[in-house]
Protein backbone atom coordinates (compact mmCIF):
# COMPACT_ATOMS: atom_id res chain seq x y z
CA UNK A 1 -6.28 -18.72 57.87
CA UNK A 2 -5.94 -15.45 55.96
CA UNK A 3 -2.86 -16.81 54.17
CA UNK A 4 -4.78 -19.92 53.13
CA UNK A 5 -7.72 -17.85 51.88
CA UNK A 6 -5.39 -15.62 49.87
CA UNK A 7 -3.77 -18.70 48.32
CA UNK A 8 -7.15 -20.14 47.39
CA UNK A 9 -8.24 -16.81 45.92
CA UNK A 10 -5.04 -16.62 43.86
CA UNK A 11 -5.55 -20.19 42.59
CA UNK A 12 -9.17 -19.39 41.78
CA UNK A 13 -8.23 -16.30 39.76
CA UNK A 14 -5.55 -18.17 37.81
CA UNK A 15 -7.96 -21.05 37.14
CA UNK A 16 -10.68 -18.64 36.02
CA UNK A 17 -8.28 -16.93 33.63
CA UNK A 18 -7.24 -20.29 32.21
CA UNK A 19 -10.86 -21.41 31.79
CA UNK A 20 -12.13 -18.10 30.41
CA UNK A 21 -11.21 -18.85 26.76
CA UNK A 22 -13.03 -22.21 27.02
CA UNK A 23 -16.08 -21.00 28.95
CA UNK A 24 -16.41 -17.96 26.72
CA UNK A 25 -16.72 -20.03 23.55
CA UNK A 26 -20.48 -20.04 24.01
CA UNK A 27 -20.70 -16.33 23.23
CA UNK A 28 -17.30 -15.15 21.93
CA UNK A 29 -15.94 -18.02 19.87
CA UNK A 30 -13.67 -17.06 16.96
CA UNK A 31 -15.35 -18.41 13.80
CA UNK A 32 -13.10 -16.60 11.36
CA UNK A 33 -9.49 -15.48 11.28
CA UNK A 34 -7.64 -12.51 9.84
CA UNK A 35 -4.69 -14.79 9.14
CA UNK A 36 -4.11 -16.01 5.59
CA UNK A 37 -5.34 -19.56 6.19
CA UNK A 38 -8.46 -21.64 6.84
CA UNK A 39 -9.65 -22.54 10.34
CA UNK A 40 -9.10 -26.11 11.50
CA UNK A 41 -12.21 -28.27 11.12
CA UNK A 42 -13.78 -30.51 13.76
CA UNK A 43 -12.18 -33.95 13.23
CA UNK A 44 -13.87 -37.31 12.66
CA UNK A 45 -13.09 -40.08 15.15
CA UNK A 46 -13.50 -42.73 12.48
CA UNK A 47 -12.29 -42.23 8.91
CA UNK A 48 -12.35 -44.39 5.81
CA UNK A 49 -9.03 -45.84 6.98
CA UNK A 50 -10.33 -46.67 10.47
CA UNK A 51 -9.59 -44.99 13.81
CA UNK A 52 -8.22 -41.46 13.48
CA UNK A 53 -5.04 -41.65 15.57
CA UNK A 54 -4.59 -37.87 15.33
CA UNK A 55 -8.07 -37.18 16.74
CA UNK A 56 -6.95 -35.50 19.98
CA UNK A 57 -4.29 -33.47 18.17
CA UNK A 58 -6.88 -32.24 15.64
CA UNK A 59 -9.30 -31.32 18.43
CA UNK A 60 -6.49 -29.26 19.94
CA UNK A 61 -5.98 -27.48 16.61
CA UNK A 62 -9.73 -26.81 16.36
CA UNK A 63 -9.79 -25.31 19.85
CA UNK A 64 -6.63 -23.26 19.22
CA UNK A 65 -8.35 -21.63 16.24
CA UNK A 66 -11.64 -20.94 18.04
CA UNK A 67 -11.12 -20.27 21.74
CA UNK A 68 -12.92 -17.19 23.00
CA UNK A 69 -11.18 -13.82 22.72
CA UNK A 70 -8.54 -15.42 20.50
CA UNK A 71 -8.00 -12.34 18.33
CA UNK A 72 -7.79 -10.09 21.38
CA UNK A 73 -5.27 -12.33 23.12
CA UNK A 74 -3.20 -12.90 19.97
CA UNK A 75 -3.06 -9.14 19.35
CA UNK A 76 -2.11 -8.40 22.97
CA UNK A 77 0.64 -11.02 22.84
CA UNK A 78 1.99 -9.60 19.55
CA UNK A 79 2.07 -6.05 20.89
CA UNK A 80 3.80 -7.16 24.10
CA UNK A 81 6.49 -9.11 22.25
CA UNK A 82 7.03 -6.34 19.73
CA UNK A 83 7.18 -3.42 22.16
CA UNK A 84 9.16 -5.14 24.91
CA UNK A 85 11.35 -7.67 23.09
CA UNK A 86 11.32 -6.37 19.52
CA UNK A 87 10.32 -9.75 18.09
CA UNK A 88 7.32 -11.03 16.15
CA UNK A 89 4.65 -13.27 17.63
CA UNK A 90 3.81 -14.56 14.13
CA UNK A 91 6.21 -16.98 12.40
CA UNK A 92 5.47 -15.52 8.96
CA UNK A 93 6.20 -11.93 9.98
CA UNK A 94 9.57 -10.32 10.78
CA UNK A 95 9.35 -7.44 13.26
CA UNK A 96 11.70 -4.79 11.90
CA UNK A 97 12.91 -1.39 13.03
CA UNK A 98 10.82 1.80 13.10
CA UNK A 99 7.53 -0.09 12.93
CA UNK A 100 8.37 -1.88 9.67
CA UNK A 101 7.19 -5.44 9.09
CA UNK A 102 8.57 -7.92 6.57
CA UNK A 103 7.44 -11.27 5.18
CA UNK A 104 9.56 -14.08 6.61
CA UNK A 105 9.48 -16.03 3.31
CA UNK A 106 11.72 -13.33 1.77
CA UNK A 107 14.55 -13.81 4.27
CA UNK A 108 16.61 -16.21 2.14
CA UNK A 109 16.47 -13.79 -0.79
CA UNK A 110 17.48 -10.90 1.48
CA UNK A 111 20.50 -12.81 2.79
CA UNK A 112 21.34 -14.30 -0.63
CA UNK A 113 20.98 -17.71 1.01
CA UNK A 114 20.40 -21.09 -0.70
CA UNK A 115 21.05 -19.74 -4.21
CA UNK A 116 19.78 -21.67 -7.20
CA UNK A 117 22.24 -23.22 -9.63
CA UNK A 118 23.39 -21.56 -12.84
CA UNK A 119 21.48 -24.24 -14.74
CA UNK A 120 18.32 -23.25 -12.87
CA UNK A 121 18.87 -19.61 -13.82
CA UNK A 122 19.11 -20.71 -17.46
CA UNK A 123 15.93 -22.78 -17.05
CA UNK A 124 14.02 -19.79 -15.66
CA UNK A 125 15.16 -17.44 -18.42
CA UNK A 126 14.81 -19.94 -21.25
CA UNK A 127 11.30 -21.04 -20.29
CA UNK A 128 10.25 -17.39 -20.20
CA UNK A 129 11.83 -16.90 -23.62
CA UNK A 130 9.82 -19.81 -25.03
CA UNK A 131 6.65 -18.17 -23.73
CA UNK A 132 7.67 -14.94 -25.40
CA UNK A 133 8.45 -16.67 -28.69
CA UNK A 134 5.02 -18.30 -28.71
CA UNK A 135 3.25 -15.01 -27.93
CA UNK A 136 5.18 -13.17 -30.62
CA UNK A 137 4.47 -15.93 -33.16
CA UNK A 138 0.78 -15.05 -32.69
CA UNK A 139 1.46 -11.34 -33.18
CA UNK A 140 1.29 -10.45 -29.45
CA UNK A 141 3.54 -8.03 -27.58
CA UNK A 142 5.18 -9.77 -24.60
CA UNK A 143 6.73 -8.21 -21.49
CA UNK A 144 8.14 -9.90 -18.38
CA UNK A 145 8.87 -8.22 -15.05
CA UNK A 146 9.90 -9.11 -11.49
CA UNK A 147 8.33 -7.49 -8.42
CA UNK A 148 11.22 -7.05 -5.94
CA UNK A 149 10.74 -8.24 -2.37
CA UNK A 150 10.24 -5.30 -0.01
CA UNK A 151 13.46 -5.95 1.91
CA UNK A 152 15.43 -6.09 -1.34
CA UNK A 153 14.66 -2.40 -1.82
CA UNK A 154 14.12 -1.24 1.76
CA UNK A 155 16.18 -3.57 3.91
CA UNK A 156 17.60 -0.92 6.23
CA UNK A 157 14.76 -1.58 8.68
CA UNK A 158 15.36 -5.33 8.80
CA UNK A 159 16.58 -6.46 12.27
CA UNK A 160 20.34 -6.16 12.81
CA UNK A 161 20.67 -9.93 13.30
CA UNK A 162 19.69 -10.44 9.64
CA UNK A 163 21.99 -7.81 8.17
CA UNK A 164 24.46 -10.09 6.41
CA UNK A 165 24.80 -11.78 3.01
CA UNK A 166 25.83 -15.37 2.27
CA UNK A 167 26.55 -14.74 -1.42
CA UNK A 168 27.51 -11.54 -3.23
CA UNK A 169 24.46 -11.43 -5.53
CA UNK A 170 20.84 -12.43 -5.16
CA UNK A 171 19.14 -14.88 -7.50
CA UNK A 172 17.26 -11.97 -9.09
CA UNK A 173 20.51 -10.14 -9.82
CA UNK A 174 22.04 -13.33 -11.22
CA UNK A 175 18.97 -13.99 -13.39
CA UNK A 176 19.00 -10.66 -15.25
CA UNK A 177 22.05 -11.46 -17.46
CA UNK A 178 20.39 -14.74 -18.41
CA UNK A 179 17.20 -12.91 -19.39
CA UNK A 180 19.31 -10.65 -21.58
CA UNK A 181 21.06 -13.64 -23.17
CA UNK A 182 17.70 -15.21 -23.94
CA UNK A 183 16.42 -11.90 -25.38
CA UNK A 184 13.48 -11.66 -22.98
CA UNK A 185 11.65 -8.32 -23.06
CA UNK A 186 12.32 -7.52 -19.42
CA UNK A 187 11.31 -4.46 -17.38
CA UNK A 188 13.81 -3.96 -14.54
CA UNK A 189 11.65 -2.71 -11.66
CA UNK A 190 14.45 -3.14 -9.13
CA UNK A 191 16.52 -0.44 -10.85
CA UNK A 192 13.44 1.71 -11.37
CA UNK A 193 12.52 1.75 -7.67
CA UNK A 194 16.12 2.45 -6.63
CA UNK A 195 16.14 5.62 -8.74
CA UNK A 196 13.31 7.11 -6.69
CA UNK A 197 14.08 8.93 -3.44
CA UNK A 198 10.66 8.36 -1.88
CA UNK A 199 9.61 5.05 -0.30
CA UNK A 200 7.14 3.32 -2.63
CA UNK A 201 6.32 0.24 -0.54
CA UNK A 202 4.13 0.07 2.56
CA UNK A 203 5.86 -0.19 5.95
CA UNK A 204 3.46 -2.86 7.23
CA UNK A 205 2.53 -4.66 4.01
CA UNK A 206 4.47 -6.85 1.57
CA UNK A 207 3.69 -4.77 -1.50
CA UNK A 208 4.27 -1.48 -3.25
CA UNK A 209 1.90 1.36 -2.40
CA UNK A 210 -0.39 3.22 -4.82
CA UNK A 211 2.39 5.56 -5.96
CA UNK A 212 4.56 2.54 -6.63
CA UNK A 213 1.72 0.86 -8.52
CA UNK A 214 1.32 3.90 -10.79
CA UNK A 215 5.06 3.92 -11.51
CA UNK A 216 5.07 0.20 -12.36
CA UNK A 217 1.93 0.53 -14.52
CA UNK A 218 3.55 3.31 -16.55
CA UNK A 219 6.81 1.41 -16.94
CA UNK A 220 5.07 -1.74 -18.19
CA UNK A 221 2.84 0.01 -20.70
CA UNK A 222 5.75 2.16 -21.88
CA UNK A 223 7.68 -1.05 -22.53
CA UNK A 224 4.70 -2.38 -24.50
CA UNK A 225 4.61 0.77 -26.62
CA UNK A 226 1.00 1.42 -25.65
CA UNK A 227 -0.43 4.93 -25.36
CA UNK A 228 -2.05 5.32 -21.94
CA UNK A 229 -3.13 7.68 -19.17
CA UNK A 230 -0.11 8.32 -16.94
CA UNK A 231 -2.20 9.57 -13.96
CA UNK A 232 0.47 12.19 -13.32
CA UNK A 233 -1.87 15.15 -13.85
CA UNK A 234 -4.71 13.76 -11.72
CA UNK A 235 -5.02 14.45 -8.01
CA UNK A 236 -5.61 11.32 -5.91
CA UNK A 237 -7.70 11.43 -2.76
CA UNK A 238 -6.12 10.82 0.67
CA UNK A 239 -6.74 7.28 1.90
CA UNK A 240 -5.74 4.79 4.56
CA UNK A 241 -4.53 1.25 4.03
CA UNK A 242 -4.19 -1.65 6.47
CA UNK A 243 -1.30 -3.89 5.41
CA UNK A 244 -1.39 -7.66 5.10
CA UNK A 245 1.52 -8.14 7.52
CA UNK A 246 -0.13 -5.86 10.07
CA UNK A 247 -3.35 -7.88 9.86
CA UNK A 248 -1.42 -11.13 10.28
CA UNK A 249 0.42 -9.87 13.35
CA UNK A 250 -2.44 -7.94 14.95
CA UNK A 251 -5.81 -9.61 14.23
CA UNK A 252 -7.47 -6.72 16.05
CA UNK A 253 -6.31 -3.13 16.02
CA UNK A 254 -3.96 -3.28 13.03
CA UNK A 255 -2.85 0.28 12.36
CA UNK A 256 -3.63 1.82 8.94
CA UNK A 257 -1.01 3.61 6.86
CA UNK A 258 -1.35 6.82 4.89
CA UNK A 259 -2.09 6.15 1.24
CA UNK A 260 -3.86 7.67 -1.77
CA UNK A 261 -6.76 6.51 -3.94
CA UNK A 262 -7.59 7.04 -7.62
CA UNK A 263 -10.95 5.30 -7.28
CA UNK A 264 -13.01 8.32 -8.36
CA UNK A 265 -11.39 8.28 -11.82
CA UNK A 266 -12.03 4.61 -12.68
CA UNK A 267 -14.77 3.68 -15.15
CA UNK A 268 -13.94 0.00 -15.80
CA UNK A 269 -16.09 -2.90 -14.55
CA UNK A 270 -15.83 -6.62 -13.86
CA UNK A 271 -17.27 -9.18 -16.25
CA UNK A 272 -15.80 -12.13 -14.32
CA UNK A 273 -14.77 -12.07 -10.69
CA UNK A 274 -15.60 -9.30 -8.24
CA UNK A 275 -12.43 -8.78 -6.20
CA UNK A 276 -8.75 -8.17 -7.03
CA UNK A 277 -7.85 -11.28 -5.01
CA UNK A 278 -9.78 -13.61 -7.37
CA UNK A 279 -7.68 -16.07 -9.36
CA UNK A 280 -9.32 -15.22 -12.69
CA UNK A 281 -10.67 -11.75 -13.45
CA UNK A 282 -11.98 -10.21 -16.65
CA UNK A 283 -12.77 -6.53 -17.07
CA UNK A 284 -14.09 -4.14 -19.70
CA UNK A 285 -13.70 -0.40 -20.11
CA UNK A 286 -15.38 1.80 -22.72
CA UNK A 287 -12.53 4.33 -22.43
CA UNK A 288 -9.81 1.75 -23.05
CA UNK A 289 -8.28 0.27 -26.18
CA UNK A 290 -6.76 -3.11 -27.13
CA UNK A 291 -6.91 -6.33 -25.10
CA UNK A 292 -4.62 -7.40 -22.25
CA UNK A 293 -3.68 -10.78 -20.77
CA UNK A 294 -1.74 -10.47 -17.54
CA UNK A 295 -0.35 -13.38 -15.52
CA UNK A 296 0.26 -11.98 -12.07
CA UNK A 297 0.44 -12.64 -8.33
CA UNK A 298 -0.58 -10.49 -5.36
CA UNK A 299 1.65 -7.64 -6.57
CA UNK A 300 -0.76 -7.35 -9.48
CA UNK A 301 -3.67 -6.47 -7.18
CA UNK A 302 -2.86 -2.76 -7.10
CA UNK A 303 -1.96 -2.74 -10.81
CA UNK A 304 -5.28 -4.24 -11.86
CA UNK A 305 -7.45 -1.07 -11.68
CA UNK A 306 -4.98 0.98 -13.73
CA UNK A 307 -4.54 -1.78 -16.32
CA UNK A 308 -8.30 -2.39 -16.50
CA UNK A 309 -8.86 1.32 -17.19
CA UNK A 310 -6.30 1.33 -20.02
CA UNK A 311 -7.68 -1.64 -21.99
CA UNK A 312 -11.07 -2.22 -23.57
CA UNK A 313 -10.86 -5.82 -22.37
CA UNK A 314 -8.44 -7.36 -19.88
CA UNK A 315 -7.88 -10.82 -18.39
CA UNK A 316 -5.92 -11.19 -15.14
CA UNK A 317 -4.89 -14.69 -14.12
CA UNK A 318 -3.10 -16.18 -11.12
CA UNK A 319 -3.25 -19.67 -12.60
CA UNK A 320 0.00 -21.69 -12.52
CA UNK A 321 1.09 -23.30 -14.77
CA UNK A 322 0.26 -20.54 -17.21
CA UNK A 323 -2.25 -21.98 -19.74
CA UNK A 324 -1.09 -20.65 -23.10
CA UNK A 325 -4.51 -21.36 -24.61
CA UNK A 326 -5.39 -18.01 -22.99
CA UNK A 327 -3.50 -16.36 -25.84
CA UNK A 328 -6.26 -17.60 -28.14
CA UNK A 329 -9.36 -17.46 -25.92
CA UNK A 330 -8.60 -14.01 -24.43
CA UNK A 331 -7.40 -12.67 -27.80
CA UNK A 332 -4.90 -10.26 -26.19
CA UNK A 333 -2.83 -7.72 -28.04
CA UNK A 334 -0.42 -7.50 -25.10
CA UNK A 335 0.77 -10.23 -22.71
CA UNK A 336 2.41 -9.24 -19.41
CA UNK A 337 3.93 -11.72 -16.97
CA UNK A 338 4.65 -10.41 -13.46
CA UNK A 339 6.40 -12.63 -10.92
CA UNK A 340 7.43 -11.70 -7.38
CA UNK A 341 11.12 -12.19 -6.58
CA UNK A 342 10.59 -14.86 -3.93
CA UNK A 343 8.70 -17.07 -6.39
CA UNK A 344 11.17 -16.84 -9.28
CA UNK A 345 12.24 -20.52 -9.04
CA UNK A 346 8.76 -21.60 -10.18
CA UNK A 347 9.72 -20.32 -13.65
CA UNK A 348 12.25 -23.13 -13.74
CA UNK A 349 10.08 -25.82 -12.17
CA UNK A 350 6.52 -25.22 -13.42
CA UNK A 351 6.66 -24.39 -17.14
CA UNK A 352 3.71 -22.89 -19.05
CA UNK A 353 1.15 -25.32 -20.39
CA UNK A 354 1.67 -25.30 -24.16
CA UNK A 355 2.85 -27.60 -26.91
CA UNK A 356 6.60 -27.49 -27.39
CA UNK A 357 7.75 -25.52 -30.43
CA UNK A 358 8.73 -27.49 -33.54
CA UNK A 359 12.46 -27.43 -34.25
CA UNK A 360 14.97 -28.58 -36.87
CA UNK A 361 18.19 -30.13 -35.57
CA UNK A 362 21.49 -28.68 -36.72
CA UNK A 363 23.25 -31.83 -37.91
CA UNK A 364 22.85 -35.55 -37.28
CA UNK A 365 22.61 -36.52 -33.63
CA UNK A 366 25.17 -39.01 -32.35
CA UNK A 367 24.25 -41.72 -29.81
CA UNK A 368 25.70 -41.70 -26.30
CA UNK A 369 25.90 -44.09 -23.34
CA UNK A 370 23.61 -42.02 -21.19
CA UNK A 371 21.76 -42.51 -17.91
CA UNK A 372 18.68 -40.48 -18.82
CA UNK A 373 15.24 -41.26 -17.39
CA UNK A 374 11.97 -40.50 -19.24
CA UNK A 375 8.28 -40.90 -18.38
CA UNK A 376 5.10 -40.50 -20.47
CA UNK A 377 1.88 -39.26 -18.82
CA UNK A 378 -1.22 -37.19 -19.64
CA UNK A 379 -2.03 -33.72 -18.27
CA UNK A 380 -5.44 -32.55 -19.37
CA UNK A 381 -5.49 -32.56 -23.16
CA UNK A 382 -1.69 -32.79 -23.40
CA UNK A 383 0.73 -35.65 -23.63
CA UNK A 384 3.52 -34.94 -21.15
CA UNK A 385 7.08 -36.24 -21.48
CA UNK A 386 9.11 -35.71 -18.30
CA UNK A 387 12.73 -36.68 -17.80
CA UNK A 388 16.10 -35.94 -16.28
CA UNK A 389 19.04 -35.66 -18.65
CA UNK A 390 22.49 -37.06 -17.98
CA UNK A 391 24.57 -34.06 -16.86
CA UNK A 392 27.73 -35.56 -18.31
CA UNK A 393 26.54 -34.55 -21.78
CA UNK A 394 25.10 -31.16 -20.83
CA UNK A 395 26.44 -27.64 -20.64
CA UNK A 396 24.84 -25.04 -18.38
CA UNK A 397 22.82 -23.64 -21.28
CA UNK A 398 22.24 -26.83 -23.29
CA UNK A 399 18.77 -27.01 -24.79
CA UNK A 400 16.86 -30.30 -24.91
CA UNK A 401 14.94 -31.59 -27.92
CA UNK A 402 12.63 -34.57 -28.13
CA UNK A 403 11.86 -36.44 -31.33
CA UNK A 404 8.46 -38.12 -31.19
CA UNK A 405 7.11 -40.56 -33.77
CA UNK A 406 3.52 -41.79 -33.47
CA UNK A 407 3.90 -43.99 -36.55
CA UNK A 408 3.15 -41.27 -39.07
CA UNK A 409 6.65 -39.81 -39.07
CA UNK A 410 8.95 -38.13 -36.54
CA UNK A 411 8.73 -34.54 -35.34
CA UNK A 412 11.34 -32.72 -33.24
CA UNK A 413 10.21 -30.38 -30.46
CA UNK A 414 12.00 -28.25 -27.90
CA UNK A 415 11.32 -29.12 -24.27
CA UNK A 416 11.08 -26.80 -21.30
CA UNK A 417 14.10 -27.07 -19.00
CA UNK A 418 13.15 -27.70 -15.37
CA UNK A 419 14.19 -29.30 -12.12
CA UNK A 420 12.54 -32.72 -12.09
CA UNK A 421 12.57 -36.15 -10.48
CA UNK A 422 12.03 -39.32 -12.52
CA UNK A 423 12.80 -42.89 -11.45
CA UNK A 424 15.06 -41.77 -8.63
CA UNK A 425 16.99 -39.32 -10.78
CA UNK A 426 16.57 -35.65 -9.98
CA UNK A 427 18.19 -32.32 -10.71
CA UNK A 428 18.04 -29.05 -12.60
CA UNK A 429 18.81 -30.81 -15.90
CA UNK A 430 15.27 -32.12 -16.10
CA UNK A 431 12.86 -31.42 -18.93
CA UNK A 432 9.15 -31.35 -19.72
CA UNK A 433 7.57 -31.49 -23.16
CA UNK A 434 3.84 -30.95 -23.66
CA UNK A 435 2.23 -32.01 -26.93
CA UNK A 436 -1.47 -31.53 -27.62
CA UNK A 437 -3.26 -34.85 -27.98
CA UNK A 438 -4.62 -33.74 -31.35
CA UNK A 439 -1.04 -33.65 -32.67
CA UNK A 440 -0.36 -37.35 -32.07
CA UNK A 441 -2.09 -40.64 -32.89
CA UNK A 442 -2.40 -43.51 -30.43
CA UNK A 443 -0.74 -43.80 -27.04
CA UNK A 444 2.57 -45.43 -27.91
CA UNK A 445 5.45 -43.40 -29.31
CA UNK A 446 9.02 -43.86 -30.44
CA UNK A 447 11.04 -41.25 -28.58
CA UNK A 448 14.53 -39.84 -28.81
CA UNK A 449 15.81 -37.31 -26.26
CA UNK A 450 18.50 -35.14 -27.79
CA UNK A 451 20.78 -32.64 -26.07
CA UNK A 452 22.39 -29.67 -27.74
CA UNK A 453 26.12 -30.33 -28.05
CA UNK A 454 29.19 -28.26 -28.91
CA UNK A 455 29.85 -29.94 -32.27
CA UNK A 456 26.66 -31.92 -32.90
CA UNK A 457 23.50 -33.01 -31.04
CA UNK A 458 23.74 -36.00 -28.70
CA UNK A 459 21.06 -38.71 -28.28
CA UNK A 460 20.57 -39.26 -24.54
CA UNK A 461 17.65 -41.67 -24.77
CA UNK A 462 16.01 -43.76 -27.50
CA UNK A 463 13.11 -46.12 -27.03
CA UNK A 464 9.35 -46.70 -27.16
CA UNK A 465 7.10 -45.23 -24.47
CA UNK A 466 3.59 -46.43 -23.66
CA UNK A 467 1.01 -44.24 -21.93
CA UNK A 468 1.81 -44.39 -18.23
CA UNK A 469 5.10 -46.12 -19.02
CA UNK A 470 8.68 -45.01 -18.42
CA UNK A 471 12.07 -45.26 -20.02
CA UNK A 472 15.69 -45.52 -18.98
């Protein structure tokens, strides 16, 4: 009898523990998450397409996001796995040595895995060069920089199982010679960080710390030739910082790190936006001088206060593709483009939004039997010509030109080089040309796609394209 009672008590305790997250939703439901995502929404049984066949699955996702004591249980699970097994409970976080955390999305870069092609490296560098040429044509100073992944600089605390390389060099290392060939004004932060003995990234965050931010700020403005406060003679206040990776892994009880703060010295203010995470921010500062336009990602968050203090007016944008109309509307004197290492391929797949530069061909182009696909579409106020060139007529660094005639006479423009897919053809020898709609009449154009050749240009495609049409 006692044995049966003990068994029933055991079953009751287990059942109560299993039901606790459900029963507790009335008073301890999780209605927000510290993870970098939105909570699942309550699903509809009937949708515009009829019965929702994923209804039960979506209810499960809703419950998984909201069951009572979720944050507490997730944190306890993460601490147990980390302390006992040395592994992460969060797919996006790598549990490293000595309490270090890394972002899982940087693993391929760390191992030099799945490298991009040499053509893609050219695309990335050349598209950046075209941005620079446009900025400089308007009298702007242009600087490009790459924010290294944390494990690129401080990989010694990555788990032993990841300590190997597939290729000798990373994509970032392979890209730098191409940037030099394309004459891009590049600030090499990777080399700059490696020259410093102290650790300038957080242990439990993806980004550089405040000391690192000050170093990067000085390097960028030095490269722009702008006089600025270096912050070297000012004493920061002690501060604590809770890293993004720590918050992801431990929704409750994430441990802060030692940091510093220069907040007491700042005098700038927001005129648009109210947080460094906002996609578009504008600031003013009475102590500053000149105007800044900075295209940035999350690595720009810690740079923003220092940059805002240095300029009388500054615009910070996370928008991709980069809208080059900002170079007129924001009226910057200096343009800075910062891109994190793990997102470098977007430079070769999502070009800036601007009309292609006008060009003059060197010699008469000769026709070729080419399998090149082309499509004409609209993107906002731009005509957009997208295609994939026949690789048989292309070198790794061949530029692509497009002659467009709207009936008033032909004009030749240089296209951005990208990876693209058109009519079943895909590859890194794709191209995109934007032309402002005010530059062309009508919606039907005679088009020639011309590749740069060794001796003379080569015509890869010739035909008429209608709006929404395509060519082969």
